[in-house]
Amino acid sequence: MTVVAATSGLPEKRPLFSDQAEAVNRLARHLRRPGTRGLYVAATGTGKTLVSARVADEL
């Protein structure tokens, strides 16, 4: 019989670059204010999806 350790199944979070971490902090702070919306614009390949996912985690 082989015993296999159970894992959570979730991948580890990728570390953010400093500009991405700053974007997460600023976006989350902005979106916590009632009635606000936001638009995050950045160049292709800069991690917009990753930043957006981390903002969602923060909220």
PDB file of N, CA and C in Angstrom:
ATOM      1  N   MET A   1       0.849  -1.172   0.000  1.00  0.00           N
ATOM      2  CA  MET A   1       0.000   0.000   0.000  1.00  0.00           C
ATOM      3  C   MET A   1       0.895   1.237   0.000  1.00  0.00           C
ATOM      4  N   THR A   2       0.574   2.184  -0.865  1.00  0.00           N
ATOM      5  CA  THR A   2       1.335   3.429  -0.956  1.00  0.00           C
ATOM      6  C   THR A   2       0.526   4.552  -0.330  1.00  0.00           C
ATOM      7  N   VAL A   3       1.170   5.294   0.543  1.00  0.00           N
ATOM      8  CA  VAL A   3       0.512   6.426   1.190  1.00  0.00           C
ATOM      9  C   VAL A   3       0.991   7.703   0.512  1.00  0.00           C
ATOM     10  N   VAL A   4       0.051   8.519   0.104  1.00  0.00           N
ATOM     11  CA  VAL A   4       0.363   9.784  -0.557  1.00  0.00           C
ATOM     12  C   VAL A   4      -0.171  10.910   0.306  1.00  0.00           C
ATOM     13  N   ALA A   5       0.663  11.895   0.563  1.00  0.00           N
ATOM     14  CA  ALA A   5       0.235  13.036   1.373  1.00  0.00           C
ATOM     15  C   ALA A   5      -0.766  13.877   0.588  1.00  0.00           C
ATOM     16  N   ALA A   6      -1.800  14.288   1.262  1.00  0.00           N
ATOM     17  CA  ALA A   6      -2.818  15.127   0.629  1.00  0.00           C
ATOM     18  C   ALA A   6      -2.309  16.560   0.521  1.00  0.00           C
ATOM     19  N   THR A   7      -2.584  17.180  -0.599  1.00  0.00           N
ATOM     20  CA  THR A   7      -2.223  18.584  -0.784  1.00  0.00           C
ATOM     21  C   THR A   7      -3.494  19.380  -1.007  1.00  0.00           C
ATOM     22  N   SER A   8      -3.374  20.664  -0.883  1.00  0.00           N
ATOM     23  CA  SER A   8      -4.552  21.513  -1.034  1.00  0.00           C
ATOM     24  C   SER A   8      -5.022  21.596  -2.481  1.00  0.00           C
ATOM     25  N   GLY A   9      -4.146  21.294  -3.421  1.00  0.00           N
ATOM     26  CA  GLY A   9      -4.524  21.372  -4.822  1.00  0.00           C
ATOM     27  C   GLY A   9      -4.377  22.760  -5.406  1.00  0.00           C
ATOM     28  N   LEU A  10      -4.069  23.738  -4.575  1.00  0.00           N
ATOM     29  CA  LEU A  10      -3.888  25.100  -5.056  1.00  0.00           C
ATOM     30  C   LEU A  10      -2.414  25.361  -5.334  1.00  0.00           C
ATOM     31  N   PRO A  11      -2.107  26.006  -6.447  1.00  0.00           N
ATOM     32  CA  PRO A  11      -0.708  26.329  -6.725  1.00  0.00           C
ATOM     33  C   PRO A  11      -0.218  27.433  -5.785  1.00  0.00           C
ATOM     34  N   GLU A  12       1.090  27.495  -5.599  1.00  0.00           N
ATOM     35  CA  GLU A  12       1.652  28.559  -4.770  1.00  0.00           C
ATOM     36  C   GLU A  12       1.469  29.892  -5.482  1.00  0.00           C
ATOM     37  N   LYS A  13       1.294  30.946  -4.698  1.00  0.00           N
ATOM     38  CA  LYS A  13       1.144  32.274  -5.287  1.00  0.00           C
ATOM     39  C   LYS A  13       2.499  32.753  -5.788  1.00  0.00           C
ATOM     40  N   ARG A  14       2.500  33.301  -6.985  1.00  0.00           N
ATOM     41  CA  ARG A  14       3.730  33.841  -7.551  1.00  0.00           C
ATOM     42  C   ARG A  14       4.088  35.124  -6.820  1.00  0.00           C
ATOM     43  N   PRO A  15       5.358  35.352  -6.578  1.00  0.00           N
ATOM     44  CA  PRO A  15       5.747  36.612  -5.944  1.00  0.00           C
ATOM     45  C   PRO A  15       5.519  37.776  -6.912  1.00  0.00           C
ATOM     46  N   LEU A  16       5.115  38.913  -6.366  1.00  0.00           N
ATOM     47  CA  LEU A  16       4.862  40.093  -7.189  1.00  0.00           C
ATOM     48  C   LEU A  16       6.123  40.940  -7.306  1.00  0.00           C
ATOM     49  N   PHE A  17       6.278  41.586  -8.437  1.00  0.00           N
ATOM     50  CA  PHE A  17       7.317  42.597  -8.579  1.00  0.00           C
ATOM     51  C   PHE A  17       6.866  43.826  -7.798  1.00  0.00           C
ATOM     52  N   SER A  18       7.786  44.724  -7.492  1.00  0.00           N
ATOM     53  CA  SER A  18       7.458  45.877  -6.645  1.00  0.00           C
ATOM     54  C   SER A  18       6.359  46.747  -7.252  1.00  0.00           C
ATOM     55  N   ASP A  19       6.387  46.949  -8.571  1.00  0.00           N
ATOM     56  CA  ASP A  19       5.349  47.774  -9.194  1.00  0.00           C
ATOM     57  C   ASP A  19       3.987  47.085  -9.152  1.00  0.00           C
ATOM     58  N   GLN A  20       3.970  45.761  -9.244  1.00  0.00           N
ATOM     59  CA  GLN A  20       2.716  45.020  -9.146  1.00  0.00           C
ATOM     60  C   GLN A  20       2.157  45.089  -7.726  1.00  0.00           C
ATOM     61  N   ALA A  21       3.020  44.960  -6.726  1.00  0.00           N
ATOM     62  CA  ALA A  21       2.579  45.044  -5.332  1.00  0.00           C
ATOM     63  C   ALA A  21       2.011  46.426  -5.036  1.00  0.00           C
ATOM     64  N   GLU A  22       2.651  47.456  -5.572  1.00  0.00           N
ATOM     65  CA  GLU A  22       2.144  48.817  -5.388  1.00  0.00           C
ATOM     66  C   GLU A  22       0.778  48.975  -6.054  1.00  0.00           C
ATOM     67  N   ALA A  23       0.616  48.410  -7.241  1.00  0.00           N
ATOM     68  CA  ALA A  23      -0.669  48.479  -7.941  1.00  0.00           C
ATOM     69  C   ALA A  23      -1.758  47.771  -7.142  1.00  0.00           C
ATOM     70  N   VAL A  24      -1.446  46.610  -6.575  1.00  0.00           N
ATOM     71  CA  VAL A  24      -2.420  45.879  -5.760  1.00  0.00           C
ATOM     72  C   VAL A  24      -2.854  46.737  -4.579  1.00  0.00           C
ATOM     73  N   ASN A  25      -1.892  47.332  -3.882  1.00  0.00           N
ATOM     74  CA  ASN A  25      -2.217  48.161  -2.716  1.00  0.00           C
ATOM     75  C   ASN A  25      -3.069  49.362  -3.095  1.00  0.00           C
ATOM     76  N   ARG A  26      -2.685  50.047  -4.156  1.00  0.00           N
ATOM     77  CA  ARG A  26      -3.434  51.246  -4.562  1.00  0.00           C
ATOM     78  C   ARG A  26      -4.837  50.907  -5.061  1.00  0.00           C
ATOM     79  N   LEU A  27      -4.936  49.858  -5.858  1.00  0.00           N
ATOM     80  CA  LEU A  27      -6.250  49.467  -6.376  1.00  0.00           C
ATOM     81  C   LEU A  27      -7.177  49.008  -5.261  1.00  0.00           C
ATOM     82  N   ALA A  28      -6.663  48.196  -4.349  1.00  0.00           N
ATOM     83  CA  ALA A  28      -7.496  47.709  -3.246  1.00  0.00           C
ATOM     84  C   ALA A  28      -7.951  48.869  -2.370  1.00  0.00           C
ATOM     85  N   ARG A  29      -7.043  49.796  -2.079  1.00  0.00           N
ATOM     86  CA  ARG A  29      -7.408  50.959  -1.262  1.00  0.00           C
ATOM     87  C   ARG A  29      -8.493  51.781  -1.958  1.00  0.00           C
ATOM     88  N   HIS A  30      -8.354  51.971  -3.267  1.00  0.00           N
ATOM     89  CA  HIS A  30      -9.342  52.743  -4.025  1.00  0.00           C
ATOM     90  C   HIS A  30     -10.701  52.038  -4.044  1.00  0.00           C
ATOM     91  N   LEU A  31     -10.691  50.740  -4.294  1.00  0.00           N
ATOM     92  CA  LEU A  31     -11.946  50.002  -4.451  1.00  0.00           C
ATOM     93  C   LEU A  31     -12.671  49.749  -3.138  1.00  0.00           C
ATOM     94  N   ARG A  32     -12.001  49.936  -2.019  1.00  0.00           N
ATOM     95  CA  ARG A  32     -12.668  49.781  -0.716  1.00  0.00           C
ATOM     96  C   ARG A  32     -13.604  50.950  -0.415  1.00  0.00           C
ATOM     97  N   ARG A  33     -13.410  52.066  -1.104  1.00  0.00           N
ATOM     98  CA  ARG A  33     -14.299  53.208  -0.886  1.00  0.00           C
ATOM     99  C   ARG A  33     -15.644  52.909  -1.532  1.00  0.00           C
ATOM    100  N   PRO A  34     -16.732  53.182  -0.821  1.00  0.00           N
ATOM    101  CA  PRO A  34     -18.069  52.884  -1.353  1.00  0.00           C
ATOM    102  C   PRO A  34     -18.347  53.608  -2.671  1.00  0.00           C
ATOM    103  N   GLY A  35     -18.940  52.893  -3.604  1.00  0.00           N
ATOM    104  CA  GLY A  35     -19.378  53.488  -4.860  1.00  0.00           C
ATOM    105  C   GLY A  35     -18.288  53.722  -5.889  1.00  0.00           C
ATOM    106  N   THR A  36     -17.083  53.225  -5.651  1.00  0.00           N
ATOM    107  CA  THR A  36     -16.009  53.466  -6.615  1.00  0.00           C
ATOM    108  C   THR A  36     -15.880  52.314  -7.596  1.00  0.00           C
ATOM    109  N   ARG A  37     -15.369  52.639  -8.752  1.00  0.00           N
ATOM    110  CA  ARG A  37     -15.029  51.649  -9.766  1.00  0.00           C
ATOM    111  C   ARG A  37     -13.608  51.953 -10.208  1.00  0.00           C
ATOM    112  N   GLY A  38     -13.014  51.034 -10.913  1.00  0.00           N
ATOM    113  CA  GLY A  38     -11.646  51.265 -11.348  1.00  0.00           C
ATOM    114  C   GLY A  38     -11.368  50.675 -12.710  1.00  0.00           C
ATOM    115  N   LEU A  39     -10.340  51.193 -13.335  1.00  0.00           N
ATOM    116  CA  LEU A  39      -9.860  50.683 -14.608  1.00  0.00           C
ATOM    117  C   LEU A  39      -8.346  50.605 -14.508  1.00  0.00           C
ATOM    118  N   TYR A  40      -7.809  49.400 -14.575  1.00  0.00           N
ATOM    119  CA  TYR A  40      -6.366  49.182 -14.469  1.00  0.00           C
ATOM    120  C   TYR A  40      -5.814  49.001 -15.872  1.00  0.00           C
ATOM    121  N   VAL A  41      -4.978  49.928 -16.304  1.00  0.00           N
ATOM    122  CA  VAL A  41      -4.405  49.899 -17.643  1.00  0.00           C
ATOM    123  C   VAL A  41      -2.900  49.725 -17.516  1.00  0.00           C
ATOM    124  N   ALA A  42      -2.370  48.741 -18.218  1.00  0.00           N
ATOM    125  CA  ALA A  42      -0.928  48.503 -18.226  1.00  0.00           C
ATOM    126  C   ALA A  42      -0.565  47.823 -19.544  1.00  0.00           C
ATOM    127  N   ALA A  43       0.705  47.823 -19.852  1.00  0.00           N
ATOM    128  CA  ALA A  43       1.194  47.248 -21.103  1.00  0.00           C
ATOM    129  C   ALA A  43       1.013  45.728 -21.129  1.00  0.00           C
ATOM    130  N   THR A  44       1.039  45.180 -22.321  1.00  0.00           N
ATOM    131  CA  THR A  44       0.935  43.738 -22.510  1.00  0.00           C
ATOM    132  C   THR A  44       2.062  43.022 -21.770  1.00  0.00           C
ATOM    133  N   GLY A  45       1.709  41.961 -21.056  1.00  0.00           N
ATOM    134  CA  GLY A  45       2.712  41.139 -20.399  1.00  0.00           C
ATOM    135  C   GLY A  45       3.203  41.648 -19.064  1.00  0.00           C
ATOM    136  N   THR A  46       2.510  42.632 -18.489  1.00  0.00           N
ATOM    137  CA  THR A  46       2.969  43.203 -17.219  1.00  0.00           C
ATOM    138  C   THR A  46       2.266  42.610 -16.007  1.00  0.00           C
ATOM    139  N   GLY A  47       1.368  41.666 -16.216  1.00  0.00           N
ATOM    140  CA  GLY A  47       0.740  40.981 -15.091  1.00  0.00           C
ATOM    141  C   GLY A  47      -0.583  41.562 -14.643  1.00  0.00           C
ATOM    142  N   LYS A  48      -1.358  42.099 -15.575  1.00  0.00           N
ATOM    143  CA  LYS A  48      -2.657  42.683 -15.210  1.00  0.00           C
ATOM    144  C   LYS A  48      -3.586  41.647 -14.589  1.00  0.00           C
ATOM    145  N   THR A  49      -3.601  40.448 -15.139  1.00  0.00           N
ATOM    146  CA  THR A  49      -4.466  39.394 -14.603  1.00  0.00           C
ATOM    147  C   THR A  49      -4.028  39.008 -13.201  1.00  0.00           C
ATOM    148  N   LEU A  50      -2.734  38.864 -12.996  1.00  0.00           N
ATOM    149  CA  LEU A  50      -2.198  38.526 -11.680  1.00  0.00           C
ATOM    150  C   LEU A  50      -2.527  39.616 -10.665  1.00  0.00           C
ATOM    151  N   VAL A  51      -2.334  40.870 -11.039  1.00  0.00           N
ATOM    152  CA  VAL A  51      -2.647  41.992 -10.152  1.00  0.00           C
ATOM    153  C   VAL A  51      -4.139  42.007  -9.834  1.00  0.00           C
ATOM    154  N   SER A  52      -4.975  41.823 -10.841  1.00  0.00           N
ATOM    155  CA  SER A  52      -6.422  41.831 -10.621  1.00  0.00           C
ATOM    156  C   SER A  52      -6.855  40.706  -9.689  1.00  0.00           C
ATOM    157  N   ALA A  53      -6.256  39.539  -9.845  1.00  0.00           N
ATOM    158  CA  ALA A  53      -6.588  38.412  -8.965  1.00  0.00           C
ATOM    159  C   ALA A  53      -6.172  38.703  -7.529  1.00  0.00           C
ATOM    160  N   ARG A  54      -5.023  39.321  -7.348  1.00  0.00           N
ATOM    161  CA  ARG A  54      -4.566  39.652  -5.996  1.00  0.00           C
ATOM    162  C   ARG A  54      -5.440  40.735  -5.369  1.00  0.00           C
ATOM    163  N   VAL A  55      -5.901  41.683  -6.175  1.00  0.00           N
ATOM    164  CA  VAL A  55      -6.818  42.705  -5.654  1.00  0.00           C
ATOM    165  C   VAL A  55      -8.101  42.033  -5.189  1.00  0.00           C
ATOM    166  N   ALA A  56      -8.618  41.104  -5.975  1.00  0.00           N
ATOM    167  CA  ALA A  56      -9.829  40.376  -5.577  1.00  0.00           C
ATOM    168  C   ALA A  56      -9.601  39.627  -4.270  1.00  0.00           C
ATOM    169  N   ASP A  57      -8.423  39.036  -4.089  1.00  0.00           N
ATOM    170  CA  ASP A  57      -8.096  38.354  -2.831  1.00  0.00           C
ATOM    171  C   ASP A  57      -8.092  39.333  -1.662  1.00  0.00           C
ATOM    172  N   GLU A  58      -7.578  40.545  -1.900  1.00  0.00           N
ATOM    173  CA  GLU A  58      -7.493  41.561  -0.843  1.00  0.00           C
ATOM    174  C   GLU A  58      -8.873  42.035  -0.405  1.00  0.00           C
ATOM    175  N   LEU A  59      -9.788  42.112  -1.372  1.00  0.00           N
ATOM    176  CA  LEU A  59     -11.116  42.622  -1.049  1.00  0.00           C
ATOM    177  C   LEU A  59     -11.938  41.514  -0.433  1.00  0.00           C
TER     178      LEU A  59
END
